[in-house]
Amino acid sequence: MSERRKKRVLVVDDDATLLELLVDTLEAVGYETVPAPGGIEALEELTRQSFDVMVTDVKMPGVDGISLLKKVRRHYPDLPVLFITGVATPDIIASADPDGYLAKPFRISKIEEMIEATIQRKEHRTANTVRRVLVVDTDQQFSDMISDALSVSQFMAFVVPSGSDALRELGNGEFDAVIADLAFPDMEWPEFHEKVKAESPGLPIILTSADHDERSIADQLHGAEVDAYLQKPFPAGEMIALLNKITPVPNG
């Protein structure tokens, strides 16, 4: 590896021998590594620190690699995930859609090549094309649908269940748009709208609602203006087209 800031790799495997081998080898070639003996431990590490890439076994007790990948996609959508596996078929791997995978046994040089290529793709994508979207909704199934659609369309979804969580995320980083349901468990829409605009005056807000009664929606808005409206259920393509219209693509 050339001289650069050490890239941080989260290595996840329930096989203690292979975990130690991977950690020692990756550190020897210049990575900073953190070991996790399972999916639960990996999620705990992700709450404590950030990583450039995660390498995980697929077959593990408790939270396996595929379940771990799904959780990472929801909560850490900018983190690339690489699979190592000796059991999962290519069809299973393809359906999970990791950023790459290696079948056991493999040469250590191959995993180093894959990590480097993955990090480079991430850095290029983040620097040039990805737009960050804050999704505020208590419906997990709906949020999953939005996240999946955004992840394949040059958007990065950050999903939260409440208005207060959304405001906290806005305080922690910049976003290109907000997609928010009309009903929150912790605040009325006008209060949420006012606080978002105070924090980020030019940030587009897309309102979503399953309510078909226009008068009811207007009453709940109390005059607060939104940049766009999508009535649930809506096609993912309609959401992507709207986001492309109201959010500029970052210049690379």
C-alpha atoms as a PDB file:
ATOM      1  CA  MET A   1       0.000   0.000   0.000  1.00  0.00           C
ATOM      2  CA  SER A   2       1.250   3.509  -0.775  1.00  0.00           C
ATOM      3  CA  GLU A   3       1.722   6.084   1.997  1.00  0.00           C
ATOM      4  CA  ARG A   4      -1.661   7.439   3.066  1.00  0.00           C
ATOM      5  CA  ARG A   5      -3.929   7.663   6.070  1.00  0.00           C
ATOM      6  CA  LYS A   6      -4.493   4.145   7.274  1.00  0.00           C
ATOM      7  CA  LYS A   7      -7.847   2.816   6.147  1.00  0.00           C
ATOM      8  CA  ARG A   8      -9.939   1.326   8.929  1.00  0.00           C
ATOM      9  CA  VAL A   9     -11.416  -2.138   8.396  1.00  0.00           C
ATOM     10  CA  LEU A  10     -14.006  -3.867  10.579  1.00  0.00           C
ATOM     11  CA  VAL A  11     -13.398  -7.625  10.300  1.00  0.00           C
ATOM     12  CA  VAL A  12     -16.263  -9.914  11.359  1.00  0.00           C
ATOM     13  CA  ASP A  13     -15.964 -13.697  11.699  1.00  0.00           C
ATOM     14  CA  ASP A  14     -17.039 -16.221  14.323  1.00  0.00           C
ATOM     15  CA  ASP A  15     -14.036 -18.417  13.461  1.00  0.00           C
ATOM     16  CA  ALA A  16     -11.471 -17.114  15.948  1.00  0.00           C
ATOM     17  CA  THR A  17      -8.512 -18.539  14.025  1.00  0.00           C
ATOM     18  CA  LEU A  18      -9.516 -16.971  10.708  1.00  0.00           C
ATOM     19  CA  LEU A  19     -10.463 -13.708  12.422  1.00  0.00           C
ATOM     20  CA  GLU A  20      -7.010 -13.447  13.987  1.00  0.00           C
ATOM     21  CA  LEU A  21      -5.335 -14.355  10.698  1.00  0.00           C
ATOM     22  CA  LEU A  22      -7.275 -11.718   8.764  1.00  0.00           C
ATOM     23  CA  VAL A  23      -6.628  -9.012  11.351  1.00  0.00           C
ATOM     24  CA  ASP A  24      -2.911  -9.760  11.601  1.00  0.00           C
ATOM     25  CA  THR A  25      -2.445  -9.955   7.836  1.00  0.00           C
ATOM     26  CA  LEU A  26      -4.387  -6.792   7.036  1.00  0.00           C
ATOM     27  CA  GLU A  27      -2.496  -4.894   9.709  1.00  0.00           C
ATOM     28  CA  ALA A  28       0.788  -6.191   8.269  1.00  0.00           C
ATOM     29  CA  VAL A  29      -0.032  -4.645   4.882  1.00  0.00           C
ATOM     30  CA  GLY A  30      -0.995  -1.298   6.383  1.00  0.00           C
ATOM     31  CA  TYR A  31      -4.649  -1.314   7.439  1.00  0.00           C
ATOM     32  CA  GLU A  32      -5.993  -0.384  10.846  1.00  0.00           C
ATOM     33  CA  THR A  33      -8.298  -3.220  11.821  1.00  0.00           C
ATOM     34  CA  VAL A  34     -10.905  -3.896  14.483  1.00  0.00           C
ATOM     35  CA  PRO A  35     -12.031  -7.510  15.052  1.00  0.00           C
ATOM     36  CA  ALA A  36     -15.603  -8.554  15.856  1.00  0.00           C
ATOM     37  CA  PRO A  37     -16.492 -12.214  16.571  1.00  0.00           C
ATOM     38  CA  GLY A  38     -20.076 -11.856  15.352  1.00  0.00           C
ATOM     39  CA  GLY A  39     -22.774  -9.613  13.934  1.00  0.00           C
ATOM     40  CA  ILE A  40     -23.921  -8.250  17.279  1.00  0.00           C
ATOM     41  CA  GLU A  41     -20.387  -7.230  18.224  1.00  0.00           C
ATOM     42  CA  ALA A  42     -19.915  -5.647  14.803  1.00  0.00           C
ATOM     43  CA  LEU A  43     -23.011  -3.480  15.244  1.00  0.00           C
ATOM     44  CA  GLU A  44     -21.727  -2.412  18.662  1.00  0.00           C
ATOM     45  CA  GLU A  45     -18.406  -1.374  17.113  1.00  0.00           C
ATOM     46  CA  LEU A  46     -20.225   0.634  14.447  1.00  0.00           C
ATOM     47  CA  THR A  47     -21.933   2.704  17.132  1.00  0.00           C
ATOM     48  CA  ARG A  48     -18.551   3.563  18.653  1.00  0.00           C
ATOM     49  CA  GLN A  49     -16.381   4.382  15.633  1.00  0.00           C
ATOM     50  CA  SER A  50     -16.350   4.785  11.861  1.00  0.00           C
ATOM     51  CA  PHE A  51     -14.794   2.505   9.262  1.00  0.00           C
ATOM     52  CA  ASP A  52     -13.815   2.659   5.607  1.00  0.00           C
ATOM     53  CA  VAL A  53     -15.029  -0.875   4.869  1.00  0.00           C
ATOM     54  CA  MET A  54     -16.421  -3.936   6.638  1.00  0.00           C
ATOM     55  CA  VAL A  55     -15.349  -7.496   5.803  1.00  0.00           C
ATOM     56  CA  THR A  56     -17.688 -10.155   7.166  1.00  0.00           C
ATOM     57  CA  ASP A  57     -18.250 -13.880   7.049  1.00  0.00           C
ATOM     58  CA  VAL A  58     -21.709 -14.893   5.848  1.00  0.00           C
ATOM     59  CA  LYS A  59     -22.525 -17.901   8.021  1.00  0.00           C
ATOM     60  CA  MET A  60     -22.465 -16.870  11.687  1.00  0.00           C
ATOM     61  CA  PRO A  61     -24.737 -17.643  14.672  1.00  0.00           C
ATOM     62  CA  GLY A  62     -27.198 -14.970  15.766  1.00  0.00           C
ATOM     63  CA  VAL A  63     -26.848 -12.074  13.329  1.00  0.00           C
ATOM     64  CA  ASP A  64     -25.374 -13.659  10.200  1.00  0.00           C
ATOM     65  CA  GLY A  65     -23.598 -11.782   7.420  1.00  0.00           C
ATOM     66  CA  ILE A  66     -26.700 -11.210   5.320  1.00  0.00           C
ATOM     67  CA  SER A  67     -28.700  -9.865   8.266  1.00  0.00           C
ATOM     68  CA  LEU A  68     -25.717  -7.725   9.246  1.00  0.00           C
ATOM     69  CA  LEU A  69     -25.506  -6.312   5.722  1.00  0.00           C
ATOM     70  CA  LYS A  70     -29.190  -5.334   5.816  1.00  0.00           C
ATOM     71  CA  LYS A  71     -28.730  -3.504   9.118  1.00  0.00           C
ATOM     72  CA  VAL A  72     -25.637  -1.709   7.819  1.00  0.00           C
ATOM     73  CA  ARG A  73     -27.479  -0.633   4.669  1.00  0.00           C
ATOM     74  CA  ARG A  74     -30.208   0.927   6.832  1.00  0.00           C
ATOM     75  CA  HIS A  75     -28.071   2.677   9.416  1.00  0.00           C
ATOM     76  CA  TYR A  76     -24.639   3.109   7.755  1.00  0.00           C
ATOM     77  CA  PRO A  77     -25.465   3.319   4.043  1.00  0.00           C
ATOM     78  CA  ASP A  78     -22.088   4.770   3.063  1.00  0.00           C
ATOM     79  CA  LEU A  79     -20.129   1.813   4.534  1.00  0.00           C
ATOM     80  CA  PRO A  80     -19.056  -0.765   1.907  1.00  0.00           C
ATOM     81  CA  VAL A  81     -19.571  -4.391   2.947  1.00  0.00           C
ATOM     82  CA  LEU A  82     -17.507  -7.292   1.586  1.00  0.00           C
ATOM     83  CA  PHE A  83     -18.443 -10.931   2.110  1.00  0.00           C
ATOM     84  CA  ILE A  84     -16.126 -13.876   2.697  1.00  0.00           C
ATOM     85  CA  THR A  85     -17.890 -17.216   2.552  1.00  0.00           C
ATOM     86  CA  GLY A  86     -17.387 -20.901   2.218  1.00  0.00           C
ATOM     87  CA  VAL A  87     -21.047 -21.893   2.129  1.00  0.00           C
ATOM     88  CA  ALA A  88     -23.290 -19.311   0.448  1.00  0.00           C
ATOM     89  CA  THR A  89     -24.109 -19.838  -3.218  1.00  0.00           C
ATOM     90  CA  PRO A  90     -23.592 -17.107  -5.828  1.00  0.00           C
ATOM     91  CA  ASP A  91     -27.392 -16.691  -6.023  1.00  0.00           C
ATOM     92  CA  ILE A  92     -27.618 -15.985  -2.294  1.00  0.00           C
ATOM     93  CA  ILE A  93     -24.712 -13.559  -2.503  1.00  0.00           C
ATOM     94  CA  ALA A  94     -26.254 -11.758  -5.481  1.00  0.00           C
ATOM     95  CA  SER A  95     -29.610 -11.382  -3.714  1.00  0.00           C
ATOM     96  CA  ALA A  96     -27.895  -9.872  -0.672  1.00  0.00           C
ATOM     97  CA  ASP A  97     -25.991  -7.442  -2.942  1.00  0.00           C
ATOM     98  CA  PRO A  98     -22.742  -6.835  -1.027  1.00  0.00           C
ATOM     99  CA  ASP A  99     -20.058  -4.597  -2.525  1.00  0.00           C
ATOM    100  CA  GLY A 100     -17.971  -7.685  -3.269  1.00  0.00           C
ATOM    101  CA  TYR A 101     -17.223 -11.188  -2.027  1.00  0.00           C
ATOM    102  CA  LEU A 102     -14.545 -13.867  -1.906  1.00  0.00           C
ATOM    103  CA  ALA A 103     -15.129 -17.591  -1.631  1.00  0.00           C
ATOM    104  CA  LYS A 104     -13.064 -19.492   0.928  1.00  0.00           C
ATOM    105  CA  PRO A 105     -10.257 -20.451   0.641  1.00  0.00           C
ATOM    106  CA  PHE A 106      -8.770 -17.284  -0.841  1.00  0.00           C
ATOM    107  CA  ARG A 107      -5.385 -15.613  -1.111  1.00  0.00           C
ATOM    108  CA  ILE A 108      -4.814 -12.694   1.236  1.00  0.00           C
ATOM    109  CA  SER A 109      -3.573 -10.651  -1.723  1.00  0.00           C
ATOM    110  CA  LYS A 110      -7.026 -10.958  -3.283  1.00  0.00           C
ATOM    111  CA  ILE A 111      -8.841  -9.523  -0.254  1.00  0.00           C
ATOM    112  CA  GLU A 112      -6.366  -6.624  -0.136  1.00  0.00           C
ATOM    113  CA  GLU A 113      -7.045  -5.912  -3.823  1.00  0.00           C
ATOM    114  CA  MET A 114     -10.789  -6.066  -3.224  1.00  0.00           C
ATOM    115  CA  ILE A 115     -10.623  -3.745  -0.211  1.00  0.00           C
ATOM    116  CA  GLU A 116      -8.575  -1.179  -2.117  1.00  0.00           C
ATOM    117  CA  ALA A 117     -10.882  -1.274  -5.147  1.00  0.00           C
ATOM    118  CA  THR A 118     -13.965  -0.974  -2.931  1.00  0.00           C
ATOM    119  CA  ILE A 119     -12.616   1.995  -0.987  1.00  0.00           C
ATOM    120  CA  GLN A 120     -11.643   3.768  -4.204  1.00  0.00           C
ATOM    121  CA  ARG A 121     -15.143   3.260  -5.620  1.00  0.00           C
ATOM    122  CA  LYS A 122     -16.635   4.587  -2.381  1.00  0.00           C
ATOM    123  CA  GLU A 123     -14.439   7.690  -2.388  1.00  0.00           C
ATOM    124  CA  HIS A 124     -15.205   8.443  -6.030  1.00  0.00           C
ATOM    125  CA  ARG A 125     -18.935   7.895  -5.548  1.00  0.00           C
ATOM    126  CA  THR A 126     -19.111   9.988  -2.392  1.00  0.00           C
ATOM    127  CA  ALA A 127     -17.054  12.825  -3.828  1.00  0.00           C
ATOM    128  CA  ASN A 128     -18.848  13.071  -7.146  1.00  0.00           C
ATOM    129  CA  THR A 129     -22.393  11.759  -7.311  1.00  0.00           C
ATOM    130  CA  VAL A 130     -24.064  10.700  -4.079  1.00  0.00           C
ATOM    131  CA  ARG A 131     -26.800  12.847  -2.586  1.00  0.00           C
ATOM    132  CA  ARG A 132     -27.800  12.380   1.040  1.00  0.00           C
ATOM    133  CA  VAL A 133     -31.498  11.998   1.847  1.00  0.00           C
ATOM    134  CA  LEU A 134     -32.948  12.061   5.353  1.00  0.00           C
ATOM    135  CA  VAL A 135     -35.999   9.769   5.564  1.00  0.00           C
ATOM    136  CA  VAL A 136     -38.368  10.315   8.504  1.00  0.00           C
ATOM    137  CA  ASP A 137     -40.999   7.607   8.928  1.00  0.00           C
ATOM    138  CA  THR A 138     -42.182   5.169  11.604  1.00  0.00           C
ATOM    139  CA  ASP A 139     -43.177   2.511   9.036  1.00  0.00           C
ATOM    140  CA  GLN A 140     -40.137   0.226   8.826  1.00  0.00           C
ATOM    141  CA  GLN A 141     -41.348  -1.571   5.700  1.00  0.00           C
ATOM    142  CA  PHE A 142     -41.894   1.718   3.903  1.00  0.00           C
ATOM    143  CA  SER A 143     -38.502   3.021   5.046  1.00  0.00           C
ATOM    144  CA  ASP A 144     -36.830  -0.156   3.796  1.00  0.00           C
ATOM    145  CA  MET A 145     -38.457   0.307   0.388  1.00  0.00           C
ATOM    146  CA  ILE A 146     -37.217   3.882   0.160  1.00  0.00           C
ATOM    147  CA  SER A 147     -33.712   2.939   1.285  1.00  0.00           C
ATOM    148  CA  ASP A 148     -33.455   0.137  -1.253  1.00  0.00           C
ATOM    149  CA  ALA A 149     -34.636   2.377  -4.087  1.00  0.00           C
ATOM    150  CA  LEU A 150     -32.274   5.208  -3.128  1.00  0.00           C
ATOM    151  CA  SER A 151     -29.236   2.957  -2.715  1.00  0.00           C
ATOM    152  CA  VAL A 152     -29.325   1.924  -6.385  1.00  0.00           C
ATOM    153  CA  SER A 153     -30.005   5.439  -7.686  1.00  0.00           C
ATOM    154  CA  GLN A 154     -26.974   7.447  -6.518  1.00  0.00           C
ATOM    155  CA  PHE A 155     -28.638   8.520  -3.281  1.00  0.00           C
ATOM    156  CA  MET A 156     -27.722   7.673   0.296  1.00  0.00           C
ATOM    157  CA  ALA A 157     -30.608   7.214   2.739  1.00  0.00           C
ATOM    158  CA  PHE A 158     -30.440   8.002   6.457  1.00  0.00           C
ATOM    159  CA  VAL A 159     -33.584   6.641   8.119  1.00  0.00           C
ATOM    160  CA  VAL A 160     -34.967   7.902  11.438  1.00  0.00           C
ATOM    161  CA  PRO A 161     -38.361   7.294  13.100  1.00  0.00           C
ATOM    162  CA  SER A 162     -39.117  10.693  14.636  1.00  0.00           C
ATOM    163  CA  GLY A 163     -38.852  14.433  14.223  1.00  0.00           C
ATOM    164  CA  SER A 164     -36.385  14.830  17.085  1.00  0.00           C
ATOM    165  CA  ASP A 165     -34.121  12.158  15.580  1.00  0.00           C
ATOM    166  CA  ALA A 166     -34.296  13.940  12.228  1.00  0.00           C
ATOM    167  CA  LEU A 167     -33.308  17.282  13.767  1.00  0.00           C
ATOM    168  CA  ARG A 168     -30.393  15.595  15.515  1.00  0.00           C
ATOM    169  CA  GLU A 169     -29.165  14.185  12.188  1.00  0.00           C
ATOM    170  CA  LEU A 170     -29.509  17.591  10.543  1.00  0.00           C
ATOM    171  CA  GLY A 171     -27.309  19.021  13.258  1.00  0.00           C
ATOM    172  CA  ASN A 172     -24.669  16.363  12.645  1.00  0.00           C
ATOM    173  CA  GLY A 173     -24.285  16.726   8.888  1.00  0.00           C
ATOM    174  CA  GLU A 174     -25.538  18.149   5.608  1.00  0.00           C
ATOM    175  CA  PHE A 175     -28.343  16.632   3.536  1.00  0.00           C
ATOM    176  CA  ASP A 176     -29.676  17.253   0.047  1.00  0.00           C
ATOM    177  CA  ALA A 177     -33.338  16.520   0.804  1.00  0.00           C
ATOM    178  CA  VAL A 178     -35.773  15.338   3.470  1.00  0.00           C
ATOM    179  CA  ILE A 179     -38.555  12.815   2.833  1.00  0.00           C
ATOM    180  CA  ALA A 180     -40.920  12.889   5.799  1.00  0.00           C
ATOM    181  CA  ASP A 181     -44.282  11.404   6.668  1.00  0.00           C
ATOM    182  CA  LEU A 182     -46.979  13.827   7.770  1.00  0.00           C
ATOM    183  CA  ALA A 183     -47.471  12.131  11.151  1.00  0.00           C
ATOM    184  CA  PHE A 184     -44.708  12.013  13.783  1.00  0.00           C
ATOM    185  CA  PRO A 185     -44.897  10.445  17.245  1.00  0.00           C
ATOM    186  CA  ASP A 186     -43.180  13.382  18.938  1.00  0.00           C
ATOM    187  CA  MET A 187     -44.148  16.647  17.210  1.00  0.00           C
ATOM    188  CA  GLU A 188     -46.640  18.264  14.863  1.00  0.00           C
ATOM    189  CA  TRP A 189     -45.677  18.904  11.254  1.00  0.00           C
ATOM    190  CA  PRO A 190     -45.586  22.745  11.494  1.00  0.00           C
ATOM    191  CA  GLU A 191     -43.096  22.541  14.378  1.00  0.00           C
ATOM    192  CA  PHE A 192     -40.934  20.071  12.456  1.00  0.00           C
ATOM    193  CA  HIS A 193     -41.071  22.200   9.302  1.00  0.00           C
ATOM    194  CA  GLU A 194     -40.122  25.356  11.183  1.00  0.00           C
ATOM    195  CA  LYS A 195     -37.155  23.712  12.906  1.00  0.00           C
ATOM    196  CA  VAL A 196     -35.860  22.105   9.708  1.00  0.00           C
ATOM    197  CA  LYS A 197     -36.005  25.398   7.827  1.00  0.00           C
ATOM    198  CA  ALA A 198     -34.289  27.166  10.710  1.00  0.00           C
ATOM    199  CA  GLU A 199     -31.481  24.598  10.644  1.00  0.00           C
ATOM    200  CA  SER A 200     -31.253  24.306   6.831  1.00  0.00           C
ATOM    201  CA  PRO A 201     -33.203  27.101   5.093  1.00  0.00           C
ATOM    202  CA  GLY A 202     -32.762  25.846   1.518  1.00  0.00           C
ATOM    203  CA  LEU A 203     -33.255  22.155   2.206  1.00  0.00           C
ATOM    204  CA  PRO A 204     -36.076  20.627   0.092  1.00  0.00           C
ATOM    205  CA  ILE A 205     -38.751  18.788   2.063  1.00  0.00           C
ATOM    206  CA  ILE A 206     -40.893  16.112   0.421  1.00  0.00           C
ATOM    207  CA  LEU A 207     -44.072  15.342   2.353  1.00  0.00           C
ATOM    208  CA  THR A 208     -45.529  11.823   2.212  1.00  0.00           C
ATOM    209  CA  SER A 209     -48.894  10.687   3.529  1.00  0.00           C
ATOM    210  CA  ALA A 210     -51.347   7.822   3.181  1.00  0.00           C
ATOM    211  CA  ASP A 211     -54.204  10.248   3.912  1.00  0.00           C
ATOM    212  CA  HIS A 212     -56.262  10.873   0.761  1.00  0.00           C
ATOM    213  CA  ASP A 213     -58.270  13.708   2.290  1.00  0.00           C
ATOM    214  CA  GLU A 214     -56.764  16.963   1.004  1.00  0.00           C
ATOM    215  CA  ARG A 215     -58.610  19.035   3.607  1.00  0.00           C
ATOM    216  CA  SER A 216     -57.295  16.838   6.418  1.00  0.00           C
ATOM    217  CA  ILE A 217     -53.747  17.196   5.101  1.00  0.00           C
ATOM    218  CA  ALA A 218     -54.104  20.965   4.812  1.00  0.00           C
ATOM    219  CA  ASP A 219     -55.402  21.149   8.385  1.00  0.00           C
ATOM    220  CA  GLN A 220     -52.384  19.236   9.670  1.00  0.00           C
ATOM    221  CA  LEU A 221     -49.955  21.420   7.729  1.00  0.00           C
ATOM    222  CA  HIS A 222     -51.397  24.612   9.253  1.00  0.00           C
ATOM    223  CA  GLY A 223     -50.031  26.645   6.357  1.00  0.00           C
ATOM    224  CA  ALA A 224     -46.507  25.178   6.429  1.00  0.00           C
ATOM    225  CA  GLU A 225     -45.312  24.914   2.845  1.00  0.00           C
ATOM    226  CA  VAL A 226     -43.582  21.847   1.434  1.00  0.00           C
ATOM    227  CA  ASP A 227     -41.468  21.574  -1.693  1.00  0.00           C
ATOM    228  CA  ALA A 228     -43.203  18.461  -3.002  1.00  0.00           C
ATOM    229  CA  TYR A 229     -45.795  15.875  -2.043  1.00  0.00           C
ATOM    230  CA  LEU A 230     -46.009  12.120  -2.639  1.00  0.00           C
ATOM    231  CA  GLN A 231     -49.143  10.197  -1.746  1.00  0.00           C
ATOM    232  CA  LYS A 232     -48.560   6.707  -0.368  1.00  0.00           C
ATOM    233  CA  PRO A 233     -48.183   4.226  -1.869  1.00  0.00           C
ATOM    234  CA  PHE A 234     -46.115   5.682  -4.705  1.00  0.00           C
ATOM    235  CA  PRO A 235     -43.780   4.119  -7.281  1.00  0.00           C
ATOM    236  CA  ALA A 236     -40.098   4.294  -6.385  1.00  0.00           C
ATOM    237  CA  GLY A 237     -39.400   5.733  -9.825  1.00  0.00           C
ATOM    238  CA  GLU A 238     -41.667   8.697  -9.112  1.00  0.00           C
ATOM    239  CA  MET A 239     -39.696   9.442  -5.932  1.00  0.00           C
ATOM    240  CA  ILE A 240     -36.342   9.207  -7.738  1.00  0.00           C
ATOM    241  CA  ALA A 241     -37.532  11.450 -10.571  1.00  0.00           C
ATOM    242  CA  LEU A 242     -38.719  14.039  -8.050  1.00  0.00           C
ATOM    243  CA  LEU A 243     -35.441  13.953  -6.143  1.00  0.00           C
ATOM    244  CA  ASN A 244     -33.465  14.338  -9.359  1.00  0.00           C
ATOM    245  CA  LYS A 245     -35.565  17.388 -10.160  1.00  0.00           C
ATOM    246  CA  ILE A 246     -35.209  19.181  -6.832  1.00  0.00           C
ATOM    247  CA  THR A 247     -31.678  18.156  -5.772  1.00  0.00           C
ATOM    248  CA  PRO A 248     -28.629  19.061  -7.881  1.00  0.00           C
ATOM    249  CA  VAL A 249     -25.960  16.446  -8.555  1.00  0.00           C
ATOM    250  CA  PRO A 250     -22.719  17.417  -6.756  1.00  0.00           C
ATOM    251  CA  ASN A 251     -19.962  18.477  -9.106  1.00  0.00           C
ATOM    252  CA  GLY A 252     -17.039  16.068  -9.344  1.00  0.00           C
END
